[in-house]
Protein backbone atom coordinates (compact mmCIF):
# COMPACT_ATOMS: atom_id res chain seq x y z
CA MET A 1 110.15 11.03 109.44
CA ILE A 2 111.25 8.40 111.99
CA LYS A 3 114.86 9.62 111.80
CA LYS A 4 113.70 13.15 112.50
CA ILE A 5 111.68 12.06 115.57
CA THR A 6 114.54 9.98 116.99
CA LYS A 7 116.96 12.85 116.38
CA HIS A 8 114.70 15.26 118.30
CA PHE A 9 114.19 12.72 121.05
CA LEU A 10 117.96 12.20 121.49
CA ILE A 11 118.59 15.95 121.60
CA PHE A 12 115.78 16.35 124.11
CA CYS A 13 117.20 13.57 126.36
CA LEU A 14 120.73 14.91 126.04
CA PHE A 15 119.55 18.38 127.04
CA PHE A 16 117.97 17.08 130.26
CA LEU A 17 120.85 14.78 131.17
CA LEU A 18 123.53 17.42 130.75
CA SER A 19 121.72 20.16 132.64
CA CYS A 20 120.67 18.20 135.74
CA GLY A 21 123.50 19.55 137.93
CA PHE A 22 124.85 16.12 138.92
CA LYS A 23 128.36 16.16 140.38
CA VAL A 24 130.54 13.18 141.12
CA VAL A 25 131.54 12.98 144.78
CA ASP A 26 135.26 13.50 145.26
CA LYS A 27 136.48 10.60 147.41
CA THR A 28 139.66 12.46 148.39
CA LYS A 29 137.57 14.88 150.45
CA GLN A 30 135.96 12.11 152.53
CA ASN A 31 136.50 12.39 156.30
CA ASN A 32 137.90 15.88 155.92
CA PHE A 33 137.22 16.78 159.54
CA SER A 34 138.83 16.53 162.91
CA VAL A 35 136.97 16.23 166.19
CA ALA A 36 138.02 18.73 168.85
CA ASN A 37 135.44 17.90 171.53
CA ILE A 38 132.68 15.31 171.99
CA ASP A 39 130.02 15.72 174.67
CA THR A 40 127.76 12.75 175.27
CA SER A 41 124.50 12.06 177.04
CA GLY A 42 122.20 9.06 177.07
CA ASP A 43 123.23 5.44 176.61
CA ARG A 44 126.94 5.03 177.41
CA ARG A 45 127.65 2.00 175.23
CA ILE A 46 126.09 3.56 172.13
CA ASN A 47 127.90 6.86 172.68
CA TYR A 48 131.22 5.07 173.22
CA ILE A 49 131.01 3.20 169.92
CA ILE A 50 129.96 6.28 167.93
CA LYS A 51 132.62 8.41 169.60
CA ASN A 52 135.33 5.89 168.72
CA ASN A 53 134.16 5.58 165.11
CA LEU A 54 134.16 9.36 164.66
CA SER A 55 137.59 9.71 166.26
CA ILE A 56 139.14 6.88 164.25
CA ASN A 57 137.82 8.12 160.91
CA ALA A 58 138.75 11.77 161.48
CA ARG A 59 141.88 13.24 159.95
CA LYS A 60 144.52 14.49 162.32
CA ASN A 61 145.58 17.65 160.47
CA SER A 62 142.26 18.84 159.09
CA GLN A 63 141.21 22.47 158.97
CA ASN A 64 137.60 21.57 159.81
CA LEU A 65 137.52 21.21 163.61
CA LEU A 66 134.21 20.03 165.03
CA ASN A 67 132.52 20.32 168.40
CA VAL A 68 130.10 17.40 168.65
CA GLU A 69 127.21 16.72 171.05
CA LEU A 70 125.76 13.19 171.05
CA ASN A 71 122.43 12.31 172.62
CA SER A 72 121.38 8.69 172.29
CA SER A 73 118.49 6.61 173.49
CA LYS A 74 117.61 2.93 173.21
CA LYS A 75 114.04 1.68 173.38
CA LYS A 76 113.29 -2.01 173.87
CA GLU A 77 109.77 -3.29 173.35
CA VAL A 78 108.03 -6.62 172.89
CA LYS A 79 107.45 -7.51 169.26
CA GLU A 80 105.90 -11.00 169.42
CA LYS A 81 104.41 -13.37 171.97
CA ASN A 82 103.42 -16.99 171.54
CA ILE A 83 100.18 -18.74 172.52
CA LYS A 84 101.42 -19.23 176.09
CA ASN A 85 101.92 -15.46 176.37
CA GLN A 86 105.71 -15.87 176.45
CA ILE A 87 107.85 -13.30 174.68
CA THR A 88 109.52 -14.67 171.54
CA LYS A 89 110.90 -11.48 169.91
CA TYR A 90 112.00 -8.08 171.07
CA LYS A 91 112.34 -4.93 168.99
CA ILE A 92 115.10 -2.42 169.70
CA SER A 93 115.01 1.14 168.36
CA ILE A 94 118.05 3.38 168.69
CA LEU A 95 117.77 7.14 168.21
CA VAL A 96 120.88 9.30 168.04
CA GLN A 97 120.72 13.08 167.85
CA VAL A 98 123.94 14.80 166.85
CA LYS A 99 124.59 18.52 167.06
CA PHE A 100 127.86 19.75 165.65
CA ASN A 101 129.41 22.98 164.60
CA LEU A 102 132.60 23.95 162.90
CA ILE A 103 134.83 25.96 165.18
CA ASN A 104 135.38 28.48 162.36
CA SER A 105 131.66 29.13 161.89
CA ARG A 106 128.85 29.66 164.36
CA LYS A 107 126.18 27.66 162.52
CA ILE A 108 124.94 24.55 164.33
CA HIS A 109 124.01 21.50 162.28
CA ASN A 110 121.62 18.79 163.53
CA ILE A 111 121.57 15.15 162.48
CA ASN A 112 118.94 12.66 163.64
CA SER A 113 119.46 9.00 162.90
CA THR A 114 117.13 6.16 163.87
CA TYR A 115 117.60 2.46 163.26
CA SER A 116 115.62 -0.47 164.59
CA GLY A 117 115.85 -4.23 164.52
CA ASP A 118 114.56 -7.27 166.29
CA TYR A 119 116.09 -10.34 167.89
CA ILE A 120 114.81 -13.72 168.98
CA VAL A 121 114.60 -14.80 172.61
CA ALA A 122 116.75 -17.93 172.96
CA ASP A 123 116.37 -20.87 175.35
CA SER A 124 119.10 -19.62 177.68
CA HIS A 125 119.29 -16.13 179.13
CA SER A 126 122.94 -15.67 178.16
CA SER A 127 122.14 -16.41 174.49
CA THR A 128 119.33 -13.87 174.57
CA ILE A 129 121.65 -11.21 175.99
CA SER A 130 124.26 -12.11 173.38
CA ASN A 131 121.65 -11.71 170.61
CA GLU A 132 120.70 -8.31 172.01
CA LYS A 133 124.32 -7.11 172.18
CA LYS A 134 125.04 -8.21 168.61
CA LEU A 135 121.95 -6.41 167.35
CA VAL A 136 122.81 -3.22 169.24
CA GLU A 137 126.39 -3.28 167.90
CA ASN A 138 125.18 -3.73 164.31
CA LEU A 139 122.62 -0.94 164.64
CA VAL A 140 125.16 1.44 166.18
CA GLU A 141 127.69 0.67 163.42
CA ASN A 142 125.04 1.55 160.84
CA ILE A 143 124.16 4.74 162.71
CA SER A 144 127.79 5.82 162.99
CA GLU A 145 128.34 5.26 159.26
CA ASP A 146 125.19 7.28 158.55
CA ILE A 147 126.35 10.11 160.83
CA LYS A 148 129.83 10.11 159.31
CA GLY A 149 128.37 10.30 155.80
CA LYS A 150 126.03 13.15 156.72
CA ILE A 151 128.85 15.10 158.39
CA ASN A 152 130.98 14.66 155.27
CA SER A 153 128.20 15.86 152.99
CA ILE A 154 127.47 18.90 155.17
CA ILE A 155 131.14 19.86 155.37
CA ASN A 156 131.64 19.41 151.61
CA ASP A 157 128.58 21.58 150.92
CA ILE A 158 130.08 24.42 152.94
């Protein structure tokens, strides 16, 4: 009786695992795009880093040519204050909206990516600015990796 139940259970599990439609991602098709044109608006530093990351990771002789529009914004707000009403932490949120289309097709794809983080106000102003720049660079690197991955998945789905 127990053997019969386990046999049915294994067949039942095997049936669901084999018919789920899971496909392994082919790593040879990663970054299978080339950027023809990038239009930017918003924060210059953020757009510059994303533009460079997309250009560096693109293939030179790809058939998938992209027109890309970047719109970025950075929002800085106070996260914490101490008892003396002095600011001790800031929160930075970066929003990047990407519109791209393949030159061969007319369909426009939209990608929105938002990351946020916080940094501590240091004793000296230069250290505080350095903390802010490091945080912004890390957030933008994460956003550019996210955008690159989403572009790859959209292109591979087509």
